[in-house]
Protein backbone atom coordinates (compact mmCIF):
# COMPACT_ATOMS: atom_id res chain seq x y z
CA ASP A 1 -80.33 -67.90 13.70
CA THR A 2 -81.82 -66.39 10.56
CA HIS A 3 -82.99 -68.31 7.53
CA TRP A 4 -82.40 -67.54 3.86
CA TYR A 5 -85.98 -66.37 3.49
CA SER A 6 -85.89 -63.96 6.46
CA PRO A 7 -85.20 -60.80 4.36
CA PHE A 8 -88.10 -61.66 2.04
CA ALA A 9 -90.35 -62.28 5.03
CA TYR A 10 -89.40 -58.90 6.51
CA LEU A 11 -90.00 -57.14 3.19
CA GLY A 12 -93.34 -58.88 2.77
CA THR A 13 -94.38 -57.91 6.29
CA ALA A 14 -93.40 -54.30 5.66
CA ALA A 15 -95.36 -54.31 2.39
CA LEU A 16 -98.46 -55.75 4.08
CA LEU A 17 -98.16 -53.19 6.86
CA GLY A 18 -97.92 -50.35 4.34
CA PHE A 19 -100.93 -51.72 2.46
CA ALA A 20 -102.91 -51.92 5.71
CA ILE A 21 -101.98 -48.34 6.60
CA ALA A 22 -103.04 -47.14 3.13
CA LEU A 23 -106.36 -48.98 3.45
CA SER A 24 -106.92 -47.50 6.89
CA CYS A 25 -106.30 -43.98 5.54
CA CYS A 26 -108.79 -44.56 2.71
CA GLY A 27 -111.28 -46.02 5.17
CA LEU A 28 -110.84 -43.06 7.50
CA PHE A 29 -111.38 -40.63 4.64
CA GLY A 30 -114.53 -42.52 3.64
CA MET A 31 -115.78 -42.43 7.22
CA LEU A 32 -115.25 -38.68 7.33
CA LEU A 33 -117.32 -38.32 4.16
CA ARG A 34 -120.10 -40.29 5.82
CA ILE A 35 -120.27 -38.48 9.15
CA VAL A 36 -118.96 -34.98 8.33
CA GLU A 37 -120.20 -32.41 5.85
CA PRO A 38 -117.96 -32.37 2.74
CA SER A 39 -117.18 -28.69 3.30
CA ARG A 40 -115.67 -29.52 6.70
CA VAL A 41 -113.75 -32.68 5.77
CA ARG A 42 -110.44 -30.85 5.29
CA ALA A 43 -110.67 -29.12 8.67
CA VAL A 44 -111.50 -32.35 10.49
CA ALA A 45 -108.82 -34.28 8.58
CA GLN A 46 -106.19 -31.80 9.75
CA THR A 47 -107.18 -32.46 13.33
CA VAL A 48 -106.92 -36.20 12.70
CA GLU A 49 -103.39 -35.64 11.34
CA MET A 50 -102.26 -34.88 14.86
CA SER A 51 -103.38 -38.27 16.26
CA PRO A 52 -100.26 -40.26 15.19
CA LEU A 53 -98.00 -37.72 16.89
CA LEU A 54 -100.06 -37.89 20.08
CA ILE A 55 -100.02 -41.70 19.97
CA VAL A 56 -96.23 -41.70 19.67
CA ALA A 57 -95.94 -39.26 22.58
CA VAL A 58 -98.23 -41.44 24.76
CA LEU A 59 -96.34 -44.61 23.82
CA ASN A 60 -93.02 -42.98 24.66
CA THR A 61 -94.40 -41.94 28.05
CA LEU A 62 -95.72 -45.44 28.73
CA ASN A 63 -92.42 -46.94 27.61
CA ALA A 64 -90.48 -44.69 29.98
CA ARG A 65 -92.72 -45.74 32.84
CA GLY A 66 -92.53 -49.39 31.82
CA LYS A 67 -88.76 -49.44 32.29
CA SER A 68 -89.22 -48.83 36.00
CA ARG A 69 -92.43 -50.84 36.38
CA PRO A 70 -93.12 -53.69 33.91
CA PHE A 71 -96.57 -53.86 32.41
CA HIS A 72 -98.69 -56.94 33.10
CA TRP A 73 -101.90 -57.79 31.25
CA PRO A 74 -104.77 -57.44 33.76
CA GLU A 75 -106.29 -60.76 34.74
CA TRP A 76 -109.85 -59.42 34.67
CA LEU A 77 -109.57 -58.70 30.93
CA PRO A 78 -110.10 -61.40 28.26
CA ASN A 79 -107.15 -63.18 26.72
CA LEU A 80 -104.80 -60.86 24.83
CA ASN A 81 -105.04 -62.88 21.62
CA LEU A 82 -108.84 -62.66 21.75
CA VAL A 83 -108.68 -58.90 22.21
CA LEU A 84 -106.31 -58.55 19.24
CA ALA A 85 -108.59 -60.70 17.09
CA VAL A 86 -111.62 -58.56 17.95
CA LEU A 87 -109.66 -55.39 17.18
CA ALA A 88 -108.57 -56.84 13.84
CA LEU A 89 -112.20 -57.62 12.92
CA LEU A 90 -113.28 -54.13 13.96
CA PHE A 91 -110.48 -52.67 11.84
CA LEU A 92 -111.59 -54.67 8.77
CA GLY A 93 -115.19 -53.57 9.29
CA PHE A 94 -114.09 -49.97 9.68
CA VAL A 95 -112.07 -50.08 6.45
CA ALA A 96 -114.84 -51.81 4.49
CA PHE A 97 -117.51 -49.41 5.73
CA GLY A 98 -115.31 -46.41 4.93
CA LEU A 99 -114.32 -47.64 1.46
CA ARG A 100 -117.96 -48.03 0.51
CA ALA A 101 -118.30 -44.25 0.78
CA LEU A 102 -115.78 -43.85 -2.07
CA ARG A 103 -118.30 -44.87 -4.69
CA SER A 104 -119.64 -43.17 -7.81
CA ASP A 105 -121.08 -40.11 -6.06
CA PHE A 106 -117.71 -39.43 -4.48
CA LEU A 107 -116.76 -37.12 -7.37
CA SER A 108 -119.78 -34.94 -6.66
CA LYS A 109 -118.37 -34.19 -3.22
CA ILE A 110 -114.83 -33.38 -4.34
CA ALA A 111 -115.64 -29.74 -5.13
CA ALA A 112 -117.06 -29.15 -1.66
CA VAL A 113 -114.11 -30.99 -0.06
CA SER A 114 -111.55 -28.94 -2.02
CA GLN A 115 -113.29 -25.63 -1.35
CA GLY A 116 -113.99 -26.28 2.33
CA HIS A 117 -115.69 -23.79 4.63
CA GLY A 118 -119.38 -24.35 4.13
CA ALA A 119 -121.69 -21.41 4.32
CA LYS A 120 -122.72 -20.48 7.83
CA ALA A 121 -125.36 -18.16 9.09
CA LYS A 122 -123.89 -14.84 10.13
CA SER A 123 -124.88 -13.27 13.40
CA GLY A 124 -126.02 -9.68 13.27
CA ARG A 125 -124.53 -8.86 16.67
CA ARG A 126 -121.54 -6.56 16.84
CA SER A 127 -118.45 -7.93 18.53
CA ILE A 128 -117.48 -6.34 21.84
CA LEU A 129 -113.86 -7.27 21.19
CA GLY A 130 -114.02 -5.58 17.80
CA ALA A 131 -115.33 -2.39 19.37
CA LEU A 132 -112.53 -2.50 21.95
CA VAL A 133 -109.89 -2.97 19.23
CA SER A 134 -111.38 -0.09 17.27
CA THR A 135 -111.10 2.15 20.33
CA LEU A 136 -107.60 1.14 21.42
CA PHE A 137 -105.88 0.60 18.08
CA GLY A 138 -107.04 3.51 16.00
CA GLY A 139 -110.40 3.17 14.32
CA PRO A 140 -112.60 0.93 12.15
CA GLY A 141 -109.65 -0.08 9.95
CA ALA A 142 -107.99 -1.68 12.98
CA ARG A 143 -111.20 -3.51 13.76
CA ALA A 144 -111.35 -4.77 10.18
CA GLY A 145 -107.78 -6.08 10.42
CA GLN A 146 -108.44 -7.81 13.72
CA GLU A 147 -111.67 -9.44 12.53
CA PHE A 148 -110.15 -10.46 9.20
CA VAL A 149 -107.05 -12.13 10.67
CA SER A 150 -108.90 -13.69 13.62
CA LYS A 151 -111.49 -15.35 11.38
CA LEU A 152 -108.99 -16.67 8.87
CA LEU A 153 -106.59 -17.89 11.55
CA ARG A 154 -109.31 -20.32 12.60
CA ARG A 155 -110.27 -21.49 9.11
CA ASP A 156 -107.20 -21.26 6.87
CA ILE A 157 -105.70 -24.66 6.07
CA GLN A 158 -102.06 -23.56 5.91
CA ILE A 159 -102.02 -21.87 9.31
CA ARG A 160 -103.87 -24.73 10.97
CA ARG A 161 -101.46 -27.25 9.48
CA GLY A 162 -98.47 -25.40 10.90
CA LEU A 163 -100.02 -24.99 14.35
CA ILE A 164 -101.27 -28.58 14.56
CA GLY A 165 -97.75 -29.81 13.88
CA MET A 166 -96.53 -27.87 16.92
CA LEU A 167 -99.29 -29.02 19.28
CA PRO A 168 -97.54 -32.23 20.50
CA SER A 169 -94.43 -30.25 21.47
CA ALA A 170 -96.59 -27.64 23.17
CA ALA A 171 -98.48 -30.38 25.02
CA LEU A 172 -95.22 -31.91 26.28
CA PHE A 173 -94.07 -28.48 27.45
CA LEU A 174 -97.34 -27.87 29.29
CA ALA A 175 -97.01 -31.26 30.97
CA ALA A 176 -93.47 -30.41 32.12
CA MET A 177 -94.65 -26.98 33.27
CA GLY A 178 -97.49 -28.54 35.25
CA ARG A 179 -95.13 -30.86 37.14
CA SER A 180 -93.06 -27.92 38.38
CA PHE A 181 -95.92 -25.46 38.83
CA LYS A 182 -96.20 -25.67 42.61
CA ASP A 183 -92.53 -24.74 43.08
CA GLY A 184 -93.09 -21.36 41.45
CA PRO A 185 -91.02 -19.52 38.83
CA PHE A 186 -88.47 -17.93 41.18
CA THR A 187 -86.73 -21.00 42.57
CA ALA A 188 -83.05 -21.77 42.97
CA SER A 189 -83.16 -24.34 40.18
CA PHE A 190 -84.26 -24.03 36.58
CA SER A 191 -88.01 -24.41 35.97
CA PRO A 192 -89.89 -25.15 32.72
CA LEU A 193 -92.03 -22.14 33.61
CA HIS A 194 -89.14 -19.95 32.49
CA GLY A 195 -89.74 -21.06 28.91
CA LEU A 196 -93.35 -19.83 28.67
CA PRO A 197 -92.66 -16.50 26.87
CA HIS A 198 -90.16 -18.18 24.55
CA ILE A 199 -92.61 -20.93 23.59
CA ILE A 200 -95.15 -18.21 22.81
CA GLY A 201 -92.46 -16.50 20.72
CA LEU A 202 -91.89 -19.70 18.72
CA LEU A 203 -95.63 -20.07 18.09
CA LEU A 204 -95.79 -16.46 16.89
CA PHE A 205 -92.75 -17.12 14.69
CA ALA A 206 -94.60 -19.96 12.97
CA VAL A 207 -97.79 -17.90 12.60
CA CYS A 208 -96.16 -14.70 11.31
CA GLY A 209 -93.98 -16.61 8.86
CA ASN A 210 -96.99 -18.33 7.29
CA LEU A 211 -99.49 -15.48 7.61
CA PRO A 212 -99.01 -14.04 4.08
CA ASN A 213 -99.97 -17.39 2.49
CA GLY A 214 -103.51 -18.73 2.34
CA THR A 215 -106.02 -20.70 0.36
CA ASP A 216 -108.30 -17.66 -0.17
CA HIS A 217 -105.70 -15.52 -1.91
CA LYS A 218 -107.86 -14.85 -4.99
CA ALA A 219 -109.82 -12.20 -3.09
CA ASN A 220 -106.69 -10.04 -2.76
CA TRP A 221 -108.09 -7.52 -5.27
CA LEU A 222 -110.56 -6.25 -2.63
CA PHE A 223 -107.73 -4.48 -0.83
CA GLN A 224 -107.06 -2.38 -3.94
CA LEU A 225 -110.19 -0.41 -3.02
CA ALA A 226 -108.99 0.54 0.47
CA PRO A 227 -107.52 4.01 1.07
CA GLU A 228 -103.99 4.39 2.35
CA GLN A 229 -105.03 5.57 5.83
CA ALA A 230 -107.25 2.52 6.25
CA MET A 231 -104.30 0.24 5.48
CA ARG A 232 -102.31 1.85 8.30
CA GLN A 233 -105.14 1.11 10.69
CA PHE A 234 -105.41 -2.36 9.19
CA ALA A 235 -101.77 -3.05 10.16
CA ARG A 236 -102.59 -2.20 13.78
CA GLY A 237 -105.54 -4.56 13.64
CA ILE A 238 -103.28 -7.39 12.46
CA HIS A 239 -101.07 -6.78 15.47
CA ALA A 240 -104.11 -6.80 17.76
CA ALA A 241 -105.34 -10.09 16.25
CA LEU A 242 -102.04 -11.73 17.21
CA LEU A 243 -101.52 -9.92 20.51
CA LEU A 244 -104.79 -10.92 22.16
CA PRO A 245 -104.84 -14.73 21.69
CA PHE A 246 -101.10 -15.37 21.86
CA VAL A 247 -99.88 -12.83 24.44
CA VAL A 248 -102.68 -11.38 26.55
CA ILE A 249 -104.87 -14.44 27.15
CA PRO A 250 -102.11 -17.01 27.98
CA ASN A 251 -100.38 -14.69 30.42
CA LEU A 252 -103.68 -13.62 31.98
CA VAL A 253 -104.47 -17.31 32.55
CA MET A 254 -100.97 -17.76 33.99
CA PHE A 255 -101.60 -14.95 36.46
CA CYS A 256 -104.97 -16.32 37.56
CA VAL A 257 -103.67 -19.86 38.04
CA GLY A 258 -100.38 -18.71 39.56
CA ALA A 259 -102.17 -16.53 42.10
CA ALA A 260 -103.80 -19.67 43.50
CA PHE A 261 -100.45 -21.42 44.11
CA TRP A 262 -97.83 -18.69 44.55
CA PRO A 263 -97.62 -15.40 46.42
CA LEU A 264 -99.58 -12.73 44.59
CA ARG A 265 -96.41 -10.69 44.04
CA ASP A 266 -94.66 -13.61 42.27
CA ALA A 267 -97.70 -14.34 40.09
CA ALA A 268 -98.06 -10.70 39.03
CA LEU A 269 -94.33 -10.23 38.40
CA PHE A 270 -93.84 -13.40 36.39
CA SER A 271 -96.99 -12.99 34.28
CA THR A 272 -96.07 -9.36 33.55
CA TYR A 273 -92.51 -10.32 32.62
CA SER A 274 -93.78 -13.15 30.40
CA ALA A 275 -96.30 -10.86 28.68
CA VAL A 276 -93.62 -8.22 28.01
CA ILE A 277 -91.18 -10.76 26.54
CA SER A 278 -93.96 -12.29 24.42
CA ALA A 279 -94.93 -8.82 23.15
CA LEU A 280 -91.26 -8.14 22.36
CA TYR A 281 -91.13 -11.33 20.30
CA LEU A 282 -94.30 -10.30 18.46
CA SER A 283 -93.03 -6.80 17.68
CA ALA A 284 -89.89 -8.27 16.11
CA GLU A 285 -91.67 -11.09 14.27
CA MET A 286 -94.19 -8.72 12.67
CA ASN A 287 -91.40 -8.09 10.14
CA LEU A 288 -91.96 -11.63 8.83
CA ILE A 289 -95.34 -10.51 7.44
CA THR A 290 -94.25 -9.33 4.00
CA HIS A 291 -97.69 -9.22 2.32
CA ILE A 292 -101.32 -8.69 3.23
CA PRO A 293 -102.30 -11.72 5.34
CA PHE A 294 -103.61 -14.71 3.35
CA SER A 295 -103.08 -12.88 0.04
CA GLN A 296 -100.43 -15.15 -1.50
CA PRO A 297 -100.77 -18.74 -2.74
CA PRO A 298 -98.95 -21.41 -0.72
CA LYS A 299 -95.40 -22.02 -1.92
CA ALA A 300 -93.96 -25.49 -2.47
CA GLY A 301 -91.14 -26.39 -0.11
CA ARG A 302 -92.09 -23.75 2.44
CA GLN A 303 -92.79 -26.37 5.11
CA ALA A 304 -89.18 -27.60 4.99
CA MET A 305 -87.85 -24.05 5.23
CA SER A 306 -90.21 -23.28 8.11
CA LEU A 307 -88.94 -26.34 9.98
CA ALA A 308 -85.35 -25.17 9.52
CA TYR A 309 -86.21 -21.68 10.73
CA LEU A 310 -88.09 -23.08 13.73
CA THR A 311 -85.06 -25.20 14.62
CA MET A 312 -82.83 -22.13 14.57
CA GLY A 313 -85.44 -20.16 16.49
CA GLY A 314 -85.66 -22.91 19.11
CA THR A 315 -81.89 -22.83 19.54
CA ALA A 316 -81.94 -19.05 19.99
CA ALA A 317 -84.82 -19.34 22.48
CA ALA A 318 -82.87 -21.94 24.50
CA ILE A 319 -79.89 -19.58 24.67
CA LEU A 320 -82.14 -16.71 25.81
CA MET A 321 -83.70 -18.96 28.46
CA ALA A 322 -80.23 -19.79 29.81
CA LEU A 323 -79.21 -16.11 29.90
CA GLN A 324 -82.52 -15.23 31.54
CA TYR A 325 -82.00 -17.84 34.27
CA PHE A 326 -78.37 -17.03 35.05
CA PHE A 327 -78.55 -13.23 34.90
CA LEU A 328 -82.14 -12.13 35.66
CA PHE A 329 -83.93 -14.65 37.85
CA LYS A 330 -81.41 -14.30 40.67
CA SER A 331 -82.87 -11.04 41.92
CA THR A 332 -86.35 -9.52 42.04
CA ALA A 333 -84.94 -6.05 41.41
CA LEU A 334 -83.24 -7.25 38.23
CA ILE A 335 -86.50 -8.78 36.98
CA VAL A 336 -88.42 -5.55 37.61
CA ALA A 337 -85.75 -3.45 35.88
CA ALA A 338 -85.58 -5.84 32.92
CA THR A 339 -89.38 -5.85 32.63
CA VAL A 340 -89.47 -2.04 32.43
CA ILE A 341 -86.65 -1.90 29.86
CA PHE A 342 -88.12 -4.66 27.71
CA ALA A 343 -91.59 -3.06 27.91
CA LEU A 344 -90.24 0.25 26.56
CA THR A 345 -88.33 -1.60 23.84
CA ALA A 346 -91.42 -3.58 22.88
CA ALA A 347 -93.52 -0.40 22.68
CA LEU A 348 -90.99 1.30 20.38
CA LEU A 349 -90.61 -1.76 18.16
CA THR A 350 -94.37 -2.23 17.99
CA TYR A 351 -94.95 1.34 16.89
CA ALA A 352 -92.24 0.99 14.25
CA SER A 353 -93.63 -2.37 13.07
CA TRP A 354 -97.08 -0.84 12.44
CA GLY A 355 -95.69 1.69 9.98
CA ALA A 356 -93.33 -0.81 8.36
CA LEU A 357 -96.10 -3.38 7.85
CA ALA A 358 -98.43 -0.77 6.36
CA SER A 359 -95.69 0.34 3.96
CA ARG A 360 -95.01 -3.25 2.88
CA MET A 361 -98.68 -3.96 2.27
CA LEU A 362 -99.17 -0.74 0.29
CA PHE A 363 -96.09 -1.49 -1.81
CA ARG A 364 -97.35 -5.00 -2.58
CA LEU A 365 -100.73 -3.62 -3.57
CA GLN A 366 -99.09 -1.07 -5.87
CA THR A 367 -96.90 -3.79 -7.36
CA ASP A 368 -99.89 -6.04 -8.01
CA SER A 369 -101.83 -3.20 -9.64
CA GLY A 370 -98.86 -2.02 -11.71
CA GLU A 371 -98.57 1.42 -10.08
CA ALA A 372 -95.09 0.72 -8.70
CA THR A 373 -93.70 0.04 -12.21
CA VAL A 374 -95.19 3.09 -13.98
CA LEU A 375 -92.15 5.26 -13.24
CA TYR A 376 -89.71 2.73 -14.64
CA GLN A 377 -91.82 2.20 -17.74
CA GLU A 378 -91.83 5.94 -18.44
CA VAL A 379 -88.02 6.14 -18.13
CA GLU A 380 -87.63 3.26 -20.56
């Protein structure tokens, strides 16, 4: 039976809980200011953002296991109430210690926190990867594009925020893939391994869609000094910066690990097929890059639109996974033929995407400098 004051008690409990959560966030921010350099607080805070999602995923896993096997408090541990009391005291001390950091000199650190990215000593060594990209993708302009995008992918707040939000889902997929890894990809039943290239495609979808936006967009004027031929090489370098970490490395790891558990032929065939499909995704999703990477300010409401697009992309990927399983993975000959056809398609689309991306970047540069509107002003 409920009492007349039950709704007020529930509301009061919810208010106290919200107040405690707010205090814990302030305390955590103060602790970060104490133990982390102000220029790196934003980067560390983004990593901490992922912790609630991971906690929910762990609790859901424990809850699913608890339905089949009830959890009992171990007898060798102290009383549960005592443990909760100690944790509550530790929480209060944590909050108090963190809030003390938000004192008068807090304002002096705000500029460094907002700017982020403290100055680091630069190494004078030349990158071997950069030299390889310059050789394979068409010159020093390609190397510049690869170095530029690779560095900012690791430090830009907007890209990191989008990728961190997808990490729990990726972790759950990797856990499901690990449970079925020993069975191999070419089994009679559906395997989570079949979704590897499509998960990579979704990650690339999120990256390419957010790549034009960045927190360092004020330096966009530097690209006005680049010649047109360099921008065409720069477009190839952007493709290389996405191809290596998202397509080549994951599938190379898949081949090395798969070769230890499966026949060498199966490991080579599946990793090659996965790499080709991932490259095909990348060649199509390069069209989402409408500006020079990191050259536009972040737009309000873009996160909600990105979530909607990712939902639609996930639905399309699920349909492709079903078609792949029912029509391709029934025969080795079909997989080989599909791999060859998709590889040729990916090569053609990639070549076309290089020119299209270079044209879009040049047009945006001309628009920003006013060159694209000169003709129309003369007619007027």
